[in-house]
C-alpha atoms as a PDB file:
ATOM      1  CA  MET A   1     -24.448  47.163 228.251  1.00  0.00           C
ATOM      2  CA  GLU A   2     -27.228  46.351 225.796  1.00  0.00           C
ATOM      3  CA  VAL A   3     -26.373  43.841 223.102  1.00  0.00           C
ATOM      4  CA  LYS A   4     -28.309  44.200 219.883  1.00  0.00           C
ATOM      5  CA  PRO A   5     -29.313  40.904 218.319  1.00  0.00           C
ATOM      6  CA  THR A   6     -27.730  40.310 214.930  1.00  0.00           C
ATOM      7  CA  ARG A   7     -29.915  39.472 212.013  1.00  0.00           C
ATOM      8  CA  PRO A   8     -28.767  36.514 209.929  1.00  0.00           C
ATOM      9  CA  LYS A   9     -27.560  37.296 206.422  1.00  0.00           C
ATOM     10  CA  VAL A  10     -30.378  36.296 204.125  1.00  0.00           C
ATOM     11  CA  PRO A  11     -29.784  36.116 200.380  1.00  0.00           C
ATOM     12  CA  PHE A  12     -32.029  37.592 197.715  1.00  0.00           C
ATOM     13  CA  LEU A  13     -33.694  34.523 196.213  1.00  0.00           C
ATOM     14  CA  GLY A  14     -36.618  33.739 193.952  1.00  0.00           C
ATOM     15  CA  HIS A  15     -38.709  35.960 191.745  1.00  0.00           C
ATOM     16  CA  TYR A  16     -41.839  37.974 192.441  1.00  0.00           C
ATOM     17  CA  PRO A  17     -44.321  39.744 190.196  1.00  0.00           C
ATOM     18  CA  GLY A  18     -44.975  43.440 190.661  1.00  0.00           C
ATOM     19  CA  LEU A  19     -46.589  46.507 189.145  1.00  0.00           C
ATOM     20  CA  ILE A  20     -45.576  50.093 188.642  1.00  0.00           C
ATOM     21  CA  ASP A  21     -48.405  52.224 190.006  1.00  0.00           C
ATOM     22  CA  ASP A  22     -49.801  55.405 188.446  1.00  0.00           C
ATOM     23  CA  LYS A  23     -47.334  57.503 190.472  1.00  0.00           C
ATOM     24  CA  GLY A  24     -44.356  55.511 189.171  1.00  0.00           C
ATOM     25  CA  ARG A  25     -43.829  53.626 192.436  1.00  0.00           C
ATOM     26  CA  ILE A  26     -43.025  49.984 192.997  1.00  0.00           C
ATOM     27  CA  SER A  27     -43.378  47.981 196.176  1.00  0.00           C
ATOM     28  CA  ILE A  28     -40.282  45.934 196.978  1.00  0.00           C
ATOM     29  CA  PRO A  29     -41.256  42.340 197.910  1.00  0.00           C
ATOM     30  CA  ALA A  30     -41.198  41.686 201.659  1.00  0.00           C
ATOM     31  CA  ASP A  31     -38.619  38.881 201.284  1.00  0.00           C
ATOM     32  CA  PHE A  32     -36.246  41.314 199.569  1.00  0.00           C
ATOM     33  CA  ARG A  33     -36.861  44.045 202.167  1.00  0.00           C
ATOM     34  CA  HIS A  34     -35.979  41.525 204.896  1.00  0.00           C
ATOM     35  CA  ALA A  35     -32.810  40.499 203.042  1.00  0.00           C
ATOM     36  CA  MET A  36     -31.437  44.048 203.162  1.00  0.00           C
ATOM     37  CA  PRO A  37     -28.862  44.664 205.889  1.00  0.00           C
ATOM     38  CA  ALA A  38     -30.363  46.630 208.774  1.00  0.00           C
ATOM     39  CA  GLU A  39     -27.470  49.123 208.747  1.00  0.00           C
ATOM     40  CA  ASN A  40     -28.557  50.298 205.278  1.00  0.00           C
ATOM     41  CA  GLU A  41     -31.825  51.554 206.764  1.00  0.00           C
ATOM     42  CA  GLY A  42     -33.676  50.787 203.536  1.00  0.00           C
ATOM     43  CA  THR A  43     -31.280  52.652 201.236  1.00  0.00           C
ATOM     44  CA  ILE A  44     -30.739  51.076 197.827  1.00  0.00           C
ATOM     45  CA  VAL A  45     -28.939  52.073 194.639  1.00  0.00           C
ATOM     46  CA  LEU A  46     -30.481  51.484 191.203  1.00  0.00           C
ATOM     47  CA  PHE A  47     -28.390  51.469 188.034  1.00  0.00           C
ATOM     48  CA  PRO A  48     -28.460  49.978 184.527  1.00  0.00           C
ATOM     49  CA  GLY A  49     -28.050  46.232 184.179  1.00  0.00           C
ATOM     50  CA  ALA A  50     -26.090  44.286 181.583  1.00  0.00           C
ATOM     51  CA  SER A  51     -29.310  43.490 179.725  1.00  0.00           C
ATOM     52  CA  ALA A  52     -32.936  44.647 179.849  1.00  0.00           C
ATOM     53  CA  PHE A  53     -33.096  45.002 183.622  1.00  0.00           C
ATOM     54  CA  ILE A  54     -32.215  47.373 186.446  1.00  0.00           C
ATOM     55  CA  ASN A  55     -29.697  46.353 189.119  1.00  0.00           C
ATOM     56  CA  VAL A  56     -30.740  47.094 192.697  1.00  0.00           C
ATOM     57  CA  PHE A  57     -27.966  46.949 195.297  1.00  0.00           C
ATOM     58  CA  PRO A  58     -28.229  47.544 199.036  1.00  0.00           C
ATOM     59  CA  LEU A  59     -26.121  50.624 199.777  1.00  0.00           C
ATOM     60  CA  ASP A  60     -23.320  48.698 201.537  1.00  0.00           C
ATOM     61  CA  LEU A  61     -22.851  46.339 198.574  1.00  0.00           C
ATOM     62  CA  PHE A  62     -22.845  49.205 196.084  1.00  0.00           C
ATOM     63  CA  ASN A  63     -20.220  51.046 198.151  1.00  0.00           C
ATOM     64  CA  SER A  64     -18.009  47.966 198.484  1.00  0.00           C
ATOM     65  CA  VAL A  65     -18.137  47.250 194.732  1.00  0.00           C
ATOM     66  CA  TRP A  66     -17.331  50.841 193.805  1.00  0.00           C
ATOM     67  CA  GLU A  67     -14.554  51.165 196.392  1.00  0.00           C
ATOM     68  CA  LYS A  68     -12.825  48.164 194.763  1.00  0.00           C
ATOM     69  CA  THR A  69     -13.017  49.759 191.319  1.00  0.00           C
ATOM     70  CA  ASP A  70     -11.398  53.002 192.544  1.00  0.00           C
ATOM     71  CA  SER A  71      -8.771  51.421 194.776  1.00  0.00           C
ATOM     72  CA  SER A  72      -6.152  54.137 194.297  1.00  0.00           C
ATOM     73  CA  VAL A  73      -6.375  57.781 195.254  1.00  0.00           C
ATOM     74  CA  LEU A  74      -6.123  58.743 191.594  1.00  0.00           C
ATOM     75  CA  GLY A  75      -8.353  55.944 190.299  1.00  0.00           C
ATOM     76  CA  PHE A  76     -11.017  58.468 189.375  1.00  0.00           C
ATOM     77  CA  ALA A  77      -8.634  60.103 186.882  1.00  0.00           C
ATOM     78  CA  SER A  78      -8.287  57.165 184.496  1.00  0.00           C
ATOM     79  CA  LEU A  79     -10.115  57.060 181.188  1.00  0.00           C
ATOM     80  CA  ASP A  80     -11.441  53.580 182.020  1.00  0.00           C
ATOM     81  CA  SER A  81     -12.908  54.972 185.208  1.00  0.00           C
ATOM     82  CA  LEU A  82     -14.551  57.853 183.347  1.00  0.00           C
ATOM     83  CA  THR A  83     -16.032  55.488 180.757  1.00  0.00           C
ATOM     84  CA  ARG A  84     -17.382  53.178 183.454  1.00  0.00           C
ATOM     85  CA  ASP A  85     -18.878  56.029 185.443  1.00  0.00           C
ATOM     86  CA  THR A  86     -20.532  57.736 182.476  1.00  0.00           C
ATOM     87  CA  THR A  87     -22.022  54.410 181.456  1.00  0.00           C
ATOM     88  CA  LEU A  88     -23.254  53.225 184.847  1.00  0.00           C
ATOM     89  CA  LEU A  89     -23.362  56.104 187.321  1.00  0.00           C
ATOM     90  CA  VAL A  90     -24.812  58.910 185.219  1.00  0.00           C
ATOM     91  CA  ASP A  91     -28.214  57.225 185.248  1.00  0.00           C
ATOM     92  CA  ALA A  92     -27.905  55.665 188.706  1.00  0.00           C
ATOM     93  CA  ALA A  93     -30.023  56.797 191.643  1.00  0.00           C
ATOM     94  CA  TRP A  94     -30.267  56.018 195.313  1.00  0.00           C
ATOM     95  CA  ARG A  95     -33.626  55.599 196.957  1.00  0.00           C
ATOM     96  CA  GLN A  96     -34.882  55.244 200.498  1.00  0.00           C
ATOM     97  CA  LEU A  97     -37.749  52.790 200.967  1.00  0.00           C
ATOM     98  CA  ASP A  98     -40.817  54.481 202.399  1.00  0.00           C
ATOM     99  CA  SER A  99     -42.710  53.049 205.386  1.00  0.00           C
ATOM    100  CA  GLN A 100     -44.614  50.717 203.035  1.00  0.00           C
ATOM    101  CA  GLY A 101     -41.487  49.429 201.261  1.00  0.00           C
ATOM    102  CA  ARG A 102     -42.008  51.480 198.093  1.00  0.00           C
ATOM    103  CA  ILE A 103     -39.679  53.498 195.898  1.00  0.00           C
ATOM    104  CA  THR A 104     -40.039  55.537 192.731  1.00  0.00           C
ATOM    105  CA  VAL A 105     -37.846  54.258 189.898  1.00  0.00           C
ATOM    106  CA  PRO A 106     -36.377  56.989 187.674  1.00  0.00           C
ATOM    107  CA  GLN A 107     -38.002  57.148 184.238  1.00  0.00           C
ATOM    108  CA  ASN A 108     -34.634  57.104 182.464  1.00  0.00           C
ATOM    109  CA  LEU A 109     -33.802  53.711 183.998  1.00  0.00           C
ATOM    110  CA  LEU A 110     -37.231  52.325 183.136  1.00  0.00           C
ATOM    111  CA  GLY A 111     -36.794  53.520 179.551  1.00  0.00           C
ATOM    112  CA  GLN A 112     -33.291  52.079 179.150  1.00  0.00           C
ATOM    113  CA  ALA A 113     -34.447  48.659 180.363  1.00  0.00           C
ATOM    114  CA  LYS A 114     -37.694  48.916 178.348  1.00  0.00           C
ATOM    115  CA  ILE A 115     -39.737  48.234 181.477  1.00  0.00           C
ATOM    116  CA  GLY A 116     -43.506  48.595 181.260  1.00  0.00           C
ATOM    117  CA  ARG A 117     -46.168  48.457 183.961  1.00  0.00           C
ATOM    118  CA  GLU A 118     -45.796  44.729 184.791  1.00  0.00           C
ATOM    119  CA  ILE A 119     -42.457  43.836 186.347  1.00  0.00           C
ATOM    120  CA  VAL A 120     -40.590  40.936 187.906  1.00  0.00           C
ATOM    121  CA  PHE A 121     -38.167  41.177 190.832  1.00  0.00           C
ATOM    122  CA  MET A 122     -35.448  38.513 190.572  1.00  0.00           C
ATOM    123  CA  GLY A 123     -33.015  37.685 193.372  1.00  0.00           C
ATOM    124  CA  ARG A 124     -29.309  37.394 192.576  1.00  0.00           C
ATOM    125  CA  TRP A 125     -27.919  36.356 195.959  1.00  0.00           C
ATOM    126  CA  ASN A 126     -26.455  39.678 197.215  1.00  0.00           C
ATOM    127  CA  HIS A 127     -28.732  41.992 195.203  1.00  0.00           C
ATOM    128  CA  PHE A 128     -31.795  41.864 193.001  1.00  0.00           C
ATOM    129  CA  VAL A 129     -32.858  43.056 189.581  1.00  0.00           C
ATOM    130  CA  ILE A 130     -36.058  44.470 188.132  1.00  0.00           C
ATOM    131  CA  TRP A 131     -37.206  43.181 184.723  1.00  0.00           C
ATOM    132  CA  ASP A 132     -40.102  43.954 182.462  1.00  0.00           C
ATOM    133  CA  ALA A 133     -42.357  40.902 183.011  1.00  0.00           C
ATOM    134  CA  ALA A 134     -42.541  39.958 179.316  1.00  0.00           C
ATOM    135  CA  ALA A 135     -38.769  40.376 178.842  1.00  0.00           C
ATOM    136  CA  PHE A 136     -38.098  38.174 181.885  1.00  0.00           C
ATOM    137  CA  LYS A 137     -40.375  35.448 180.549  1.00  0.00           C
ATOM    138  CA  ALA A 138     -38.750  35.635 177.099  1.00  0.00           C
ATOM    139  CA  TYR A 139     -35.228  35.530 178.550  1.00  0.00           C
ATOM    140  CA  ARG A 140     -36.008  32.433 180.589  1.00  0.00           C
ATOM    141  CA  ALA A 141     -37.572  30.715 177.568  1.00  0.00           C
ATOM    142  CA  GLU A 142     -34.603  31.415 175.290  1.00  0.00           C
ATOM    143  CA  GLN A 143     -32.059  30.025 177.783  1.00  0.00           C
ATOM    144  CA  LYS A 144     -33.326  26.462 177.264  1.00  0.00           C
ATOM    145  CA  LEU A 145     -31.289  25.212 180.240  1.00  0.00           C
ATOM    146  CA  THR A 146     -32.579  22.858 182.888  1.00  0.00           C
ATOM    147  CA  ALA A 147     -31.561  22.963 186.537  1.00  0.00           C
ATOM    148  CA  GLY A 148     -29.572  19.771 185.811  1.00  0.00           C
ATOM    149  CA  ASP A 149     -27.635  21.564 183.066  1.00  0.00           C
ATOM    150  CA  VAL A 150     -26.718  24.391 185.404  1.00  0.00           C
ATOM    151  CA  TRP A 151     -25.696  22.031 188.241  1.00  0.00           C
ATOM    152  CA  GLN A 152     -23.479  20.150 185.795  1.00  0.00           C
ATOM    153  CA  LYS A 153     -21.792  23.393 184.667  1.00  0.00           C
ATOM    154  CA  LEU A 154     -21.226  24.370 188.319  1.00  0.00           C
ATOM    155  CA  ALA A 155     -19.680  20.970 189.041  1.00  0.00           C
ATOM    156  CA  GLU A 156     -17.375  21.276 186.020  1.00  0.00           C
ATOM    157  CA  GLN A 157     -16.326  24.755 187.073  1.00  0.00           C
ATOM    158  CA  SER A 158     -15.570  23.655 190.627  1.00  0.00           C
ATOM    159  CA  ARG A 159     -13.359  20.827 189.319  1.00  0.00           C
ATOM    160  CA  LYS A 160     -11.341  23.396 187.305  1.00  0.00           C
ATOM    161  CA  ASP A 161     -10.856  25.613 190.366  1.00  0.00           C
END
């Protein structure tokens, strides 16, 4: 019996610059491609973010999040469910990475997030997001938090829990 080696779970970390080419394609950073679970076979789901960015989930994470939101057989019938789905899923798309790690991002998602040619990929532990480069820079500047500030908030939160 052949035993397949398991790949360690690697989080999506850091940020990387990128460009949208003339054909509307982006190349996913190698570190992010390697962080995707092998069983997903390069399948990702893109959908609107909470701000000016696009969420990118590996297929297994997207499925697990959505399964939790529709936990009952009739979960799809609720008005809350319909509102959520028309807000997030109507413009969502799944993509398969090509052999060079590229995908084409739907124009409607790019427009909603106001993403131009220069982009930034930002890791968020179990997924990543795509920002317009200028919007990412502006967001970071307006936060005015240091790493020390964030560590302090995390420590305070852990004491409450």
